[in-house]
Amino acid sequence: MLAIRLQRVGRKGYPVYRLAVQEAQRHPSSGRVVAYVGSYNPHTKESKVQVEEAQKYLNNGAQPSPRVVKLLKDAGVALPKWVKDASTDKQKAIRNAEKLRKNQPKEEAPAEESAE
């Protein structure tokens, strides 16, 4: 099965990504790349996508990663129905909400007695 995922390139501390079509079981940096269908620079938010190539691989069943889904949508690629949209609500579940300081009962400050 093929996957469309981001492959990191660029220098240390300044990543730039390629949109690579690879075998899904391989690691992005070491797997055999079938094709490159675009690039993404997260610093300038610039993405270049070869729409026809990406559409061809999607129609043949390539699974895009969540970030690639967003990039393909922005580029105007028609996504198949089975592609899951990246969730826009980024609320993390808080495990022990009762332990948070804001949820603790308020402590009353001891009343200071005036010494006369």
PDB file of N, CA and C in Angstrom:
ATOM      1  N   MET A   1       0.842  -1.176   0.000  1.00  0.00           N
ATOM      2  CA  MET A   1       0.000   0.000   0.000  1.00  0.00           C
ATOM      3  C   MET A   1       0.890   1.242   0.000  1.00  0.00           C
ATOM      4  N   LEU A   2       0.462   2.252  -0.726  1.00  0.00           N
ATOM      5  CA  LEU A   2       1.237   3.484  -0.824  1.00  0.00           C
ATOM      6  C   LEU A   2       0.716   4.532   0.151  1.00  0.00           C
ATOM      7  N   ALA A   3       1.607   5.415   0.570  1.00  0.00           N
ATOM      8  CA  ALA A   3       1.254   6.526   1.454  1.00  0.00           C
ATOM      9  C   ALA A   3       1.852   7.795   0.872  1.00  0.00           C
ATOM     10  N   ILE A   4       1.109   8.881   1.020  1.00  0.00           N
ATOM     11  CA  ILE A   4       1.649  10.192   0.664  1.00  0.00           C
ATOM     12  C   ILE A   4       1.967  10.877   1.975  1.00  0.00           C
ATOM     13  N   ARG A   5       3.236  11.131   2.201  1.00  0.00           N
ATOM     14  CA  ARG A   5       3.659  11.688   3.479  1.00  0.00           C
ATOM     15  C   ARG A   5       4.736  12.733   3.260  1.00  0.00           C
ATOM     16  N   LEU A   6       5.059  13.443   4.336  1.00  0.00           N
ATOM     17  CA  LEU A   6       6.107  14.450   4.267  1.00  0.00           C
ATOM     18  C   LEU A   6       7.451  13.809   4.546  1.00  0.00           C
ATOM     19  N   GLN A   7       8.443  14.163   3.746  1.00  0.00           N
ATOM     20  CA  GLN A   7       9.806  13.674   3.940  1.00  0.00           C
ATOM     21  C   GLN A   7      10.681  14.890   4.218  1.00  0.00           C
ATOM     22  N   ARG A   8      11.353  14.887   5.357  1.00  0.00           N
ATOM     23  CA  ARG A   8      12.137  16.040   5.761  1.00  0.00           C
ATOM     24  C   ARG A   8      13.438  16.129   4.972  1.00  0.00           C
ATOM     25  N   VAL A   9      13.692  17.304   4.446  1.00  0.00           N
ATOM     26  CA  VAL A   9      14.960  17.633   3.813  1.00  0.00           C
ATOM     27  C   VAL A   9      15.348  19.015   4.324  1.00  0.00           C
ATOM     28  N   GLY A  10      16.472  19.525   3.910  1.00  0.00           N
ATOM     29  CA  GLY A  10      16.892  20.839   4.365  1.00  0.00           C
ATOM     30  C   GLY A  10      17.980  20.726   5.407  1.00  0.00           C
ATOM     31  N   ARG A  11      18.471  21.859   5.834  1.00  0.00           N
ATOM     32  CA  ARG A  11      19.581  21.846   6.773  1.00  0.00           C
ATOM     33  C   ARG A  11      19.106  21.730   8.209  1.00  0.00           C
ATOM     34  N   LYS A  12      20.063  21.578   9.096  1.00  0.00           N
ATOM     35  CA  LYS A  12      19.771  21.427  10.516  1.00  0.00           C
ATOM     36  C   LYS A  12      19.107  22.699  11.049  1.00  0.00           C
ATOM     37  N   GLY A  13      17.996  22.551  11.720  1.00  0.00           N
ATOM     38  CA  GLY A  13      17.305  23.694  12.283  1.00  0.00           C
ATOM     39  C   GLY A  13      16.407  24.426  11.309  1.00  0.00           C
ATOM     40  N   TYR A  14      16.382  24.033  10.062  1.00  0.00           N
ATOM     41  CA  TYR A  14      15.554  24.689   9.050  1.00  0.00           C
ATOM     42  C   TYR A  14      14.958  23.611   8.138  1.00  0.00           C
ATOM     43  N   PRO A  15      13.924  22.920   8.625  1.00  0.00           N
ATOM     44  CA  PRO A  15      13.377  21.832   7.818  1.00  0.00           C
ATOM     45  C   PRO A  15      12.539  22.338   6.649  1.00  0.00           C
ATOM     46  N   VAL A  16      12.618  21.618   5.567  1.00  0.00           N
ATOM     47  CA  VAL A  16      11.765  21.782   4.397  1.00  0.00           C
ATOM     48  C   VAL A  16      11.314  20.373   4.058  1.00  0.00           C
ATOM     49  N   TYR A  17      10.098  20.232   3.573  1.00  0.00           N
ATOM     50  CA  TYR A  17       9.546  18.901   3.371  1.00  0.00           C
ATOM     51  C   TYR A  17       9.187  18.664   1.914  1.00  0.00           C
ATOM     52  N   ARG A  18       9.318  17.400   1.486  1.00  0.00           N
ATOM     53  CA  ARG A  18       8.842  16.948   0.184  1.00  0.00           C
ATOM     54  C   ARG A  18       7.589  16.122   0.414  1.00  0.00           C
ATOM     55  N   LEU A  19       6.637  16.204  -0.497  1.00  0.00           N
ATOM     56  CA  LEU A  19       5.490  15.308  -0.475  1.00  0.00           C
ATOM     57  C   LEU A  19       5.893  14.075  -1.263  1.00  0.00           C
ATOM     58  N   ALA A  20       6.127  12.977  -0.576  1.00  0.00           N
ATOM     59  CA  ALA A  20       6.656  11.770  -1.198  1.00  0.00           C
ATOM     60  C   ALA A  20       5.595  10.678  -1.194  1.00  0.00           C
ATOM     61  N   VAL A  21       5.505   9.955  -2.284  1.00  0.00           N
ATOM     62  CA  VAL A  21       4.653   8.767  -2.377  1.00  0.00           C
ATOM     63  C   VAL A  21       5.570   7.577  -2.134  1.00  0.00           C
ATOM     64  N   GLN A  22       5.309   6.842  -1.034  1.00  0.00           N
ATOM     65  CA  GLN A  22       6.167   5.732  -0.633  1.00  0.00           C
ATOM     66  C   GLN A  22       5.333   4.536  -0.229  1.00  0.00           C
ATOM     67  N   GLU A  23       6.033   3.428   0.001  1.00  0.00           N
ATOM     68  CA  GLU A  23       5.381   2.279   0.599  1.00  0.00           C
ATOM     69  C   GLU A  23       5.055   2.629   2.044  1.00  0.00           C
ATOM     70  N   ALA A  24       3.871   2.277   2.507  1.00  0.00           N
ATOM     71  CA  ALA A  24       3.401   2.718   3.819  1.00  0.00           C
ATOM     72  C   ALA A  24       4.179   2.077   4.964  1.00  0.00           C
ATOM     73  N   GLN A  25       4.751   0.893   4.764  1.00  0.00           N
ATOM     74  CA  GLN A  25       5.428   0.198   5.857  1.00  0.00           C
ATOM     75  C   GLN A  25       6.849   0.698   6.079  1.00  0.00           C
ATOM     76  N   ARG A  26       7.376   1.505   5.197  1.00  0.00           N
ATOM     77  CA  ARG A  26       8.759   1.964   5.294  1.00  0.00           C
ATOM     78  C   ARG A  26       8.842   3.269   6.059  1.00  0.00           C
ATOM     79  N   HIS A  27      10.017   3.542   6.583  1.00  0.00           N
ATOM     80  CA  HIS A  27      10.265   4.807   7.271  1.00  0.00           C
ATOM     81  C   HIS A  27      10.422   5.912   6.223  1.00  0.00           C
ATOM     82  N   PRO A  28       9.929   7.130   6.510  1.00  0.00           N
ATOM     83  CA  PRO A  28       9.987   8.185   5.493  1.00  0.00           C
ATOM     84  C   PRO A  28      11.390   8.516   4.989  1.00  0.00           C
ATOM     85  N   SER A  29      12.405   8.383   5.828  1.00  0.00           N
ATOM     86  CA  SER A  29      13.738   8.763   5.387  1.00  0.00           C
ATOM     87  C   SER A  29      14.472   7.641   4.668  1.00  0.00           C
ATOM     88  N   SER A  30      14.027   6.389   4.838  1.00  0.00           N
ATOM     89  CA  SER A  30      14.786   5.290   4.251  1.00  0.00           C
ATOM     90  C   SER A  30      14.009   4.456   3.244  1.00  0.00           C
ATOM     91  N   GLY A  31      12.720   4.680   3.101  1.00  0.00           N
ATOM     92  CA  GLY A  31      11.936   3.859   2.200  1.00  0.00           C
ATOM     93  C   GLY A  31      12.116   4.255   0.746  1.00  0.00           C
ATOM     94  N   ARG A  32      11.816   3.334  -0.139  1.00  0.00           N
ATOM     95  CA  ARG A  32      11.922   3.605  -1.568  1.00  0.00           C
ATOM     96  C   ARG A  32      10.796   4.548  -1.962  1.00  0.00           C
ATOM     97  N   VAL A  33      11.145   5.636  -2.601  1.00  0.00           N
ATOM     98  CA  VAL A  33      10.165   6.639  -3.009  1.00  0.00           C
ATOM     99  C   VAL A  33       9.673   6.313  -4.414  1.00  0.00           C
ATOM    100  N   VAL A  34       8.357   6.244  -4.556  1.00  0.00           N
ATOM    101  CA  VAL A  34       7.764   5.990  -5.865  1.00  0.00           C
ATOM    102  C   VAL A  34       7.786   7.282  -6.685  1.00  0.00           C
ATOM    103  N   ALA A  35       7.379   8.394  -6.050  1.00  0.00           N
ATOM    104  CA  ALA A  35       7.360   9.681  -6.753  1.00  0.00           C
ATOM    105  C   ALA A  35       7.322  10.814  -5.739  1.00  0.00           C
ATOM    106  N   TYR A  36       7.784  11.973  -6.161  1.00  0.00           N
ATOM    107  CA  TYR A  36       7.639  13.198  -5.388  1.00  0.00           C
ATOM    108  C   TYR A  36       6.534  14.018  -6.047  1.00  0.00           C
ATOM    109  N   VAL A  37       5.542  14.425  -5.275  1.00  0.00           N
ATOM    110  CA  VAL A  37       4.409  15.155  -5.848  1.00  0.00           C
ATOM    111  C   VAL A  37       4.332  16.593  -5.359  1.00  0.00           C
ATOM    112  N   GLY A  38       5.340  17.060  -4.645  1.00  0.00           N
ATOM    113  CA  GLY A  38       5.310  18.451  -4.224  1.00  0.00           C
ATOM    114  C   GLY A  38       6.314  18.734  -3.132  1.00  0.00           C
ATOM    115  N   SER A  39       6.239  19.956  -2.607  1.00  0.00           N
ATOM    116  CA  SER A  39       7.119  20.366  -1.517  1.00  0.00           C
ATOM    117  C   SER A  39       6.367  21.319  -0.609  1.00  0.00           C
ATOM    118  N   TYR A  40       6.884  21.487   0.622  1.00  0.00           N
ATOM    119  CA  TYR A  40       6.242  22.349   1.612  1.00  0.00           C
ATOM    120  C   TYR A  40       7.317  22.992   2.464  1.00  0.00           C
ATOM    121  N   ASN A  41       7.261  24.312   2.585  1.00  0.00           N
ATOM    122  CA  ASN A  41       8.169  25.058   3.439  1.00  0.00           C
ATOM    123  C   ASN A  41       7.352  25.609   4.609  1.00  0.00           C
ATOM    124  N   PRO A  42       7.524  25.067   5.820  1.00  0.00           N
ATOM    125  CA  PRO A  42       6.701  25.510   6.949  1.00  0.00           C
ATOM    126  C   PRO A  42       7.043  26.915   7.435  1.00  0.00           C
ATOM    127  N   HIS A  43       8.185  27.454   7.054  1.00  0.00           N
ATOM    128  CA  HIS A  43       8.586  28.781   7.513  1.00  0.00           C
ATOM    129  C   HIS A  43       7.854  29.867   6.743  1.00  0.00           C
ATOM    130  N   THR A  44       7.704  29.662   5.451  1.00  0.00           N
ATOM    131  CA  THR A  44       6.991  30.635   4.627  1.00  0.00           C
ATOM    132  C   THR A  44       5.567  30.182   4.320  1.00  0.00           C
ATOM    133  N   LYS A  45       5.193  29.001   4.783  1.00  0.00           N
ATOM    134  CA  LYS A  45       3.883  28.393   4.533  1.00  0.00           C
ATOM    135  C   LYS A  45       3.619  28.220   3.037  1.00  0.00           C
ATOM    136  N   GLU A  46       4.679  28.074   2.266  1.00  0.00           N
ATOM    137  CA  GLU A  46       4.561  27.912   0.822  1.00  0.00           C
ATOM    138  C   GLU A  46       4.535  26.424   0.483  1.00  0.00           C
ATOM    139  N   SER A  47       3.553  26.023  -0.306  1.00  0.00           N
ATOM    140  CA  SER A  47       3.498  24.633  -0.743  1.00  0.00           C
ATOM    141  C   SER A  47       3.304  24.596  -2.254  1.00  0.00           C
ATOM    142  N   LYS A  48       4.005  23.667  -2.883  1.00  0.00           N
ATOM    143  CA  LYS A  48       3.879  23.441  -4.318  1.00  0.00           C
ATOM    144  C   LYS A  48       3.464  21.992  -4.498  1.00  0.00           C
ATOM    145  N   VAL A  49       2.332  21.784  -5.147  1.00  0.00           N
ATOM    146  CA  VAL A  49       1.812  20.431  -5.337  1.00  0.00           C
ATOM    147  C   VAL A  49       1.546  20.225  -6.824  1.00  0.00           C
ATOM    148  N   GLN A  50       2.013  19.099  -7.337  1.00  0.00           N
ATOM    149  CA  GLN A  50       1.684  18.704  -8.703  1.00  0.00           C
ATOM    150  C   GLN A  50       0.322  18.020  -8.632  1.00  0.00           C
ATOM    151  N   VAL A  51      -0.714  18.769  -8.970  1.00  0.00           N
ATOM    152  CA  VAL A  51      -2.091  18.337  -8.738  1.00  0.00           C
ATOM    153  C   VAL A  51      -2.418  17.062  -9.498  1.00  0.00           C
ATOM    154  N   GLU A  52      -2.024  16.972 -10.752  1.00  0.00           N
ATOM    155  CA  GLU A  52      -2.373  15.794 -11.562  1.00  0.00           C
ATOM    156  C   GLU A  52      -1.723  14.535 -11.021  1.00  0.00           C
ATOM    157  N   GLU A  53      -0.433  14.643 -10.634  1.00  0.00           N
ATOM    158  CA  GLU A  53       0.285  13.483 -10.082  1.00  0.00           C
ATOM    159  C   GLU A  53      -0.345  13.043  -8.756  1.00  0.00           C
ATOM    160  N   ALA A  54      -0.618  13.992  -7.880  1.00  0.00           N
ATOM    161  CA  ALA A  54      -1.218  13.659  -6.587  1.00  0.00           C
ATOM    162  C   ALA A  54      -2.587  13.027  -6.773  1.00  0.00           C
ATOM    163  N   GLN A  55      -3.364  13.561  -7.702  1.00  0.00           N
ATOM    164  CA  GLN A  55      -4.697  13.021  -7.963  1.00  0.00           C
ATOM    165  C   GLN A  55      -4.609  11.592  -8.472  1.00  0.00           C
ATOM    166  N   LYS A  56      -3.617  11.310  -9.314  1.00  0.00           N
ATOM    167  CA  LYS A  56      -3.448   9.956  -9.860  1.00  0.00           C
ATOM    168  C   LYS A  56      -3.190   8.951  -8.746  1.00  0.00           C
ATOM    169  N   TYR A  57      -2.291   9.285  -7.812  1.00  0.00           N
ATOM    170  CA  TYR A  57      -1.973   8.354  -6.728  1.00  0.00           C
ATOM    171  C   TYR A  57      -3.121   8.224  -5.739  1.00  0.00           C
ATOM    172  N   LEU A  58      -3.850   9.312  -5.480  1.00  0.00           N
ATOM    173  CA  LEU A  58      -5.014   9.216  -4.598  1.00  0.00           C
ATOM    174  C   LEU A  58      -6.090   8.329  -5.201  1.00  0.00           C
ATOM    175  N   ASN A  59      -6.322   8.447  -6.492  1.00  0.00           N
ATOM    176  CA  ASN A  59      -7.331   7.613  -7.153  1.00  0.00           C
ATOM    177  C   ASN A  59      -6.926   6.144  -7.151  1.00  0.00           C
ATOM    178  N   ASN A  60      -5.623   5.865  -7.070  1.00  0.00           N
ATOM    179  CA  ASN A  60      -5.156   4.485  -7.020  1.00  0.00           C
ATOM    180  C   ASN A  60      -5.013   3.964  -5.592  1.00  0.00           C
ATOM    181  N   GLY A  61      -5.437   4.734  -4.609  1.00  0.00           N
ATOM    182  CA  GLY A  61      -5.502   4.223  -3.247  1.00  0.00           C
ATOM    183  C   GLY A  61      -4.398   4.654  -2.311  1.00  0.00           C
ATOM    184  N   ALA A  62      -3.595   5.641  -2.655  1.00  0.00           N
ATOM    185  CA  ALA A  62      -2.539   6.096  -1.753  1.00  0.00           C
ATOM    186  C   ALA A  62      -3.159   6.826  -0.563  1.00  0.00           C
ATOM    187  N   GLN A  63      -2.692   6.507   0.642  1.00  0.00           N
ATOM    188  CA  GLN A  63      -3.233   7.088   1.866  1.00  0.00           C
ATOM    189  C   GLN A  63      -2.440   8.341   2.242  1.00  0.00           C
ATOM    190  N   PRO A  64      -3.056   9.515   2.292  1.00  0.00           N
ATOM    191  CA  PRO A  64      -2.316  10.706   2.699  1.00  0.00           C
ATOM    192  C   PRO A  64      -2.297  10.846   4.222  1.00  0.00           C
ATOM    193  N   SER A  65      -1.217  11.423   4.733  1.00  0.00           N
ATOM    194  CA  SER A  65      -1.139  11.702   6.166  1.00  0.00           C
ATOM    195  C   SER A  65      -2.012  12.926   6.467  1.00  0.00           C
ATOM    196  N   PRO A  66      -2.349  13.177   7.734  1.00  0.00           N
ATOM    197  CA  PRO A  66      -3.235  14.307   8.056  1.00  0.00           C
ATOM    198  C   PRO A  66      -2.722  15.661   7.577  1.00  0.00           C
ATOM    199  N   ARG A  67      -1.439  15.934   7.706  1.00  0.00           N
ATOM    200  CA  ARG A  67      -0.895  17.218   7.246  1.00  0.00           C
ATOM    201  C   ARG A  67      -0.934  17.295   5.726  1.00  0.00           C
ATOM    202  N   VAL A  68      -0.709  16.177   5.054  1.00  0.00           N
ATOM    203  CA  VAL A  68      -0.744  16.168   3.592  1.00  0.00           C
ATOM    204  C   VAL A  68      -2.176  16.395   3.107  1.00  0.00           C
ATOM    205  N   VAL A  69      -3.170  15.888   3.837  1.00  0.00           N
ATOM    206  CA  VAL A  69      -4.569  16.134   3.471  1.00  0.00           C
ATOM    207  C   VAL A  69      -4.838  17.628   3.450  1.00  0.00           C
ATOM    208  N   LYS A  70      -4.347  18.324   4.460  1.00  0.00           N
ATOM    209  CA  LYS A  70      -4.543  19.776   4.533  1.00  0.00           C
ATOM    210  C   LYS A  70      -3.846  20.482   3.371  1.00  0.00           C
ATOM    211  N   LEU A  71      -2.633  20.066   3.060  1.00  0.00           N
ATOM    212  CA  LEU A  71      -1.899  20.688   1.960  1.00  0.00           C
ATOM    213  C   LEU A  71      -2.561  20.416   0.614  1.00  0.00           C
ATOM    214  N   LEU A  72      -3.069  19.191   0.432  1.00  0.00           N
ATOM    215  CA  LEU A  72      -3.722  18.853  -0.827  1.00  0.00           C
ATOM    216  C   LEU A  72      -5.027  19.621  -0.996  1.00  0.00           C
ATOM    217  N   LYS A  73      -5.765  19.798   0.108  1.00  0.00           N
ATOM    218  CA  LYS A  73      -7.000  20.584   0.044  1.00  0.00           C
ATOM    219  C   LYS A  73      -6.707  22.016  -0.373  1.00  0.00           C
ATOM    220  N   ASP A  74      -5.660  22.598   0.228  1.00  0.00           N
ATOM    221  CA  ASP A  74      -5.302  23.977  -0.091  1.00  0.00           C
ATOM    222  C   ASP A  74      -4.856  24.127  -1.543  1.00  0.00           C
ATOM    223  N   ALA A  75      -4.289  23.057  -2.104  1.00  0.00           N
ATOM    224  CA  ALA A  75      -3.829  23.102  -3.492  1.00  0.00           C
ATOM    225  C   ALA A  75      -4.959  22.855  -4.480  1.00  0.00           C
ATOM    226  N   GLY A  76      -6.117  22.414  -3.992  1.00  0.00           N
ATOM    227  CA  GLY A  76      -7.259  22.205  -4.878  1.00  0.00           C
ATOM    228  C   GLY A  76      -7.378  20.805  -5.429  1.00  0.00           C
ATOM    229  N   VAL A  77      -6.786  19.823  -4.760  1.00  0.00           N
ATOM    230  CA  VAL A  77      -6.896  18.432  -5.199  1.00  0.00           C
ATOM    231  C   VAL A  77      -8.229  17.879  -4.705  1.00  0.00           C
ATOM    232  N   ALA A  78      -8.972  17.219  -5.581  1.00  0.00           N
ATOM    233  CA  ALA A  78     -10.242  16.601  -5.191  1.00  0.00           C
ATOM    234  C   ALA A  78      -9.945  15.306  -4.444  1.00  0.00           C
ATOM    235  N   LEU A  79     -10.257  15.286  -3.161  1.00  0.00           N
ATOM    236  CA  LEU A  79      -9.964  14.113  -2.330  1.00  0.00           C
ATOM    237  C   LEU A  79     -11.103  13.113  -2.413  1.00  0.00           C
ATOM    238  N   PRO A  80     -10.797  11.811  -2.456  1.00  0.00           N
ATOM    239  CA  PRO A  80     -11.853  10.790  -2.435  1.00  0.00           C
ATOM    240  C   PRO A  80     -12.622  10.826  -1.115  1.00  0.00           C
ATOM    241  N   LYS A  81     -13.788  10.192  -1.106  1.00  0.00           N
ATOM    242  CA  LYS A  81     -14.634  10.205   0.095  1.00  0.00           C
ATOM    243  C   LYS A  81     -13.993   9.498   1.271  1.00  0.00           C
ATOM    244  N   TRP A  82     -13.172   8.501   1.030  1.00  0.00           N
ATOM    245  CA  TRP A  82     -12.615   7.695   2.114  1.00  0.00           C
ATOM    246  C   TRP A  82     -11.482   8.393   2.848  1.00  0.00           C
ATOM    247  N   VAL A  83     -11.003   9.526   2.350  1.00  0.00           N
ATOM    248  CA  VAL A  83      -9.914  10.243   3.016  1.00  0.00           C
ATOM    249  C   VAL A  83     -10.473  10.971   4.227  1.00  0.00           C
ATOM    250  N   LYS A  84      -9.866  10.741   5.376  1.00  0.00           N
ATOM    251  CA  LYS A  84     -10.314  11.385   6.606  1.00  0.00           C
ATOM    252  C   LYS A  84      -9.730  12.781   6.697  1.00  0.00           C
ATOM    253  N   ASP A  85     -10.576  13.748   7.033  1.00  0.00           N
ATOM    254  CA  ASP A  85     -10.107  15.110   7.218  1.00  0.00           C
ATOM    255  C   ASP A  85      -9.376  15.220   8.538  1.00  0.00           C
ATOM    256  N   ALA A  86      -8.367  16.075   8.563  1.00  0.00           N
ATOM    257  CA  ALA A  86      -7.650  16.334   9.814  1.00  0.00           C
ATOM    258  C   ALA A  86      -8.586  17.092  10.737  1.00  0.00           C
ATOM    259  N   SER A  87      -8.648  16.670  11.980  1.00  0.00           N
ATOM    260  CA  SER A  87      -9.555  17.318  12.919  1.00  0.00           C
ATOM    261  C   SER A  87      -9.071  18.726  13.229  1.00  0.00           C
ATOM    262  N   THR A  88     -10.009  19.648  13.290  1.00  0.00           N
ATOM    263  CA  THR A  88      -9.661  21.039  13.560  1.00  0.00           C
ATOM    264  C   THR A  88      -9.683  21.356  15.044  1.00  0.00           C
ATOM    265  N   ASP A  89     -10.358  20.529  15.826  1.00  0.00           N
ATOM    266  CA  ASP A  89     -10.398  20.781  17.271  1.00  0.00           C
ATOM    267  C   ASP A  89      -9.206  20.092  17.917  1.00  0.00           C
ATOM    268  N   LYS A  90      -8.299  20.889  18.428  1.00  0.00           N
ATOM    269  CA  LYS A  90      -7.085  20.344  19.012  1.00  0.00           C
ATOM    270  C   LYS A  90      -7.155  20.429  20.527  1.00  0.00           C
ATOM    271  N   GLN A  91      -8.205  19.905  21.115  1.00  0.00           N
ATOM    272  CA  GLN A  91      -8.359  19.888  22.560  1.00  0.00           C
ATOM    273  C   GLN A  91      -7.773  18.588  23.091  1.00  0.00           C
ATOM    274  N   LYS A  92      -6.791  18.705  23.949  1.00  0.00           N
ATOM    275  CA  LYS A  92      -6.227  17.522  24.569  1.00  0.00           C
ATOM    276  C   LYS A  92      -7.060  17.166  25.789  1.00  0.00           C
ATOM    277  N   ALA A  93      -7.209  15.894  26.041  1.00  0.00           N
ATOM    278  CA  ALA A  93      -7.917  15.452  27.228  1.00  0.00           C
ATOM    279  C   ALA A  93      -6.993  15.606  28.432  1.00  0.00           C
ATOM    280  N   ILE A  94      -7.506  16.210  29.469  1.00  0.00           N
ATOM    281  CA  ILE A  94      -6.727  16.386  30.689  1.00  0.00           C
ATOM    282  C   ILE A  94      -7.017  15.190  31.581  1.00  0.00           C
ATOM    283  N   ARG A  95      -5.944  14.488  31.971  1.00  0.00           N
ATOM    284  CA  ARG A  95      -6.139  13.236  32.693  1.00  0.00           C
ATOM    285  C   ARG A  95      -6.644  13.430  34.118  1.00  0.00           C
ATOM    286  N   ASN A  96      -5.968  14.227  34.887  1.00  0.00           N
ATOM    287  CA  ASN A  96      -6.357  14.408  36.290  1.00  0.00           C
ATOM    288  C   ASN A  96      -6.746  15.860  36.508  1.00  0.00           C
ATOM    289  N   ALA A  97      -7.925  16.210  36.019  1.00  0.00           N
ATOM    290  CA  ALA A  97      -8.362  17.603  36.088  1.00  0.00           C
ATOM    291  C   ALA A  97      -8.568  18.059  37.529  1.00  0.00           C
ATOM    292  N   GLU A  98      -8.908  17.129  38.411  1.00  0.00           N
ATOM    293  CA  GLU A  98      -9.159  17.521  39.808  1.00  0.00           C
ATOM    294  C   GLU A  98      -7.880  17.924  40.529  1.00  0.00           C
ATOM    295  N   LYS A  99      -6.730  17.554  40.003  1.00  0.00           N
ATOM    296  CA  LYS A  99      -5.459  17.899  40.633  1.00  0.00           C
ATOM    297  C   LYS A  99      -4.937  19.270  40.220  1.00  0.00           C
ATOM    298  N   LEU A 100      -5.559  19.877  39.231  1.00  0.00           N
ATOM    299  CA  LEU A 100      -5.099  21.177  38.785  1.00  0.00           C
ATOM    300  C   LEU A 100      -5.299  22.218  39.877  1.00  0.00           C
ATOM    301  N   ARG A 101      -4.392  23.167  39.922  1.00  0.00           N
ATOM    302  CA  ARG A 101      -4.448  24.204  40.948  1.00  0.00           C
ATOM    303  C   ARG A 101      -5.728  25.019  40.841  1.00  0.00           C
ATOM    304  N   LYS A 102      -6.193  25.276  39.626  1.00  0.00           N
ATOM    305  CA  LYS A 102      -7.404  26.081  39.481  1.00  0.00           C
ATOM    306  C   LYS A 102      -8.657  25.359  39.952  1.00  0.00           C
ATOM    307  N   ASN A 103      -8.588  24.034  40.084  1.00  0.00           N
ATOM    308  CA  ASN A 103      -9.741  23.265  40.549  1.00  0.00           C
ATOM    309  C   ASN A 103      -9.673  22.936  42.034  1.00  0.00           C
ATOM    310  N   GLN A 104      -8.641  23.389  42.723  1.00  0.00           N
ATOM    311  CA  GLN A 104      -8.511  23.144  44.161  1.00  0.00           C
ATOM    312  C   GLN A 104      -9.410  24.117  44.920  1.00  0.00           C
ATOM    313  N   PRO A 105      -9.915  23.707  46.088  1.00  0.00           N
ATOM    314  CA  PRO A 105     -10.729  24.644  46.882  1.00  0.00           C
ATOM    315  C   PRO A 105      -9.864  25.820  47.345  1.00  0.00           C
ATOM    316  N   LYS A 106     -10.494  26.981  47.407  1.00  0.00           N
ATOM    317  CA  LYS A 106      -9.778  28.182  47.798  1.00  0.00           C
ATOM    318  C   LYS A 106      -9.431  28.125  49.278  1.00  0.00           C
ATOM    319  N   GLU A 107      -8.182  28.454  49.578  1.00  0.00           N
ATOM    320  CA  GLU A 107      -7.762  28.501  50.976  1.00  0.00           C
ATOM    321  C   GLU A 107      -7.997  29.904  51.495  1.00  0.00           C
ATOM    322  N   GLU A 108      -8.589  29.978  52.666  1.00  0.00           N
ATOM    323  CA  GLU A 108      -8.846  31.293  53.250  1.00  0.00           C
ATOM    324  C   GLU A 108      -7.577  31.772  53.925  1.00  0.00           C
ATOM    325  N   ALA A 109      -7.249  33.009  53.680  1.00  0.00           N
ATOM    326  CA  ALA A 109      -6.067  33.590  54.307  1.00  0.00           C
ATOM    327  C   ALA A 109      -6.359  33.789  55.785  1.00  0.00           C
ATOM    328  N   PRO A 110      -5.414  33.451  56.675  1.00  0.00           N
ATOM    329  CA  PRO A 110      -5.671  33.654  58.095  1.00  0.00           C
ATOM    330  C   PRO A 110      -5.837  35.121  58.410  1.00  0.00           C
ATOM    331  N   ALA A 111      -6.830  35.417  59.226  1.00  0.00           N
ATOM    332  CA  ALA A 111      -7.109  36.816  59.575  1.00  0.00           C
ATOM    333  C   ALA A 111      -6.009  37.336  60.484  1.00  0.00           C
ATOM    334  N   GLU A 112      -5.428  38.450  60.107  1.00  0.00           N
ATOM    335  CA  GLU A 112      -4.359  39.022  60.914  1.00  0.00           C
ATOM    336  C   GLU A 112      -4.973  39.841  62.065  1.00  0.00           C
ATOM    337  N   GLU A 113      -4.475  39.572  63.256  1.00  0.00           N
ATOM    338  CA  GLU A 113      -4.983  40.304  64.406  1.00  0.00           C
ATOM    339  C   GLU A 113      -4.166  41.565  64.570  1.00  0.00           C
ATOM    340  N   SER A 114      -4.833  42.632  64.829  1.00  0.00           N
ATOM    341  CA  SER A 114      -4.099  43.887  65.003  1.00  0.00           C
ATOM    342  C   SER A 114      -3.594  43.971  66.429  1.00  0.00           C
ATOM    343  N   ALA A 115      -2.310  44.206  66.585  1.00  0.00           N
ATOM    344  CA  ALA A 115      -1.729  44.342  67.916  1.00  0.00           C
ATOM    345  C   ALA A 115      -1.786  45.810  68.309  1.00  0.00           C
ATOM    346  N   GLU A 116      -2.482  46.095  69.423  1.00  0.00           N
ATOM    347  CA  GLU A 116      -2.620  47.487  69.868  1.00  0.00           C
ATOM    348  C   GLU A 116      -1.795  47.769  71.058  1.00  0.00           C
TER     349      GLU A 116
END
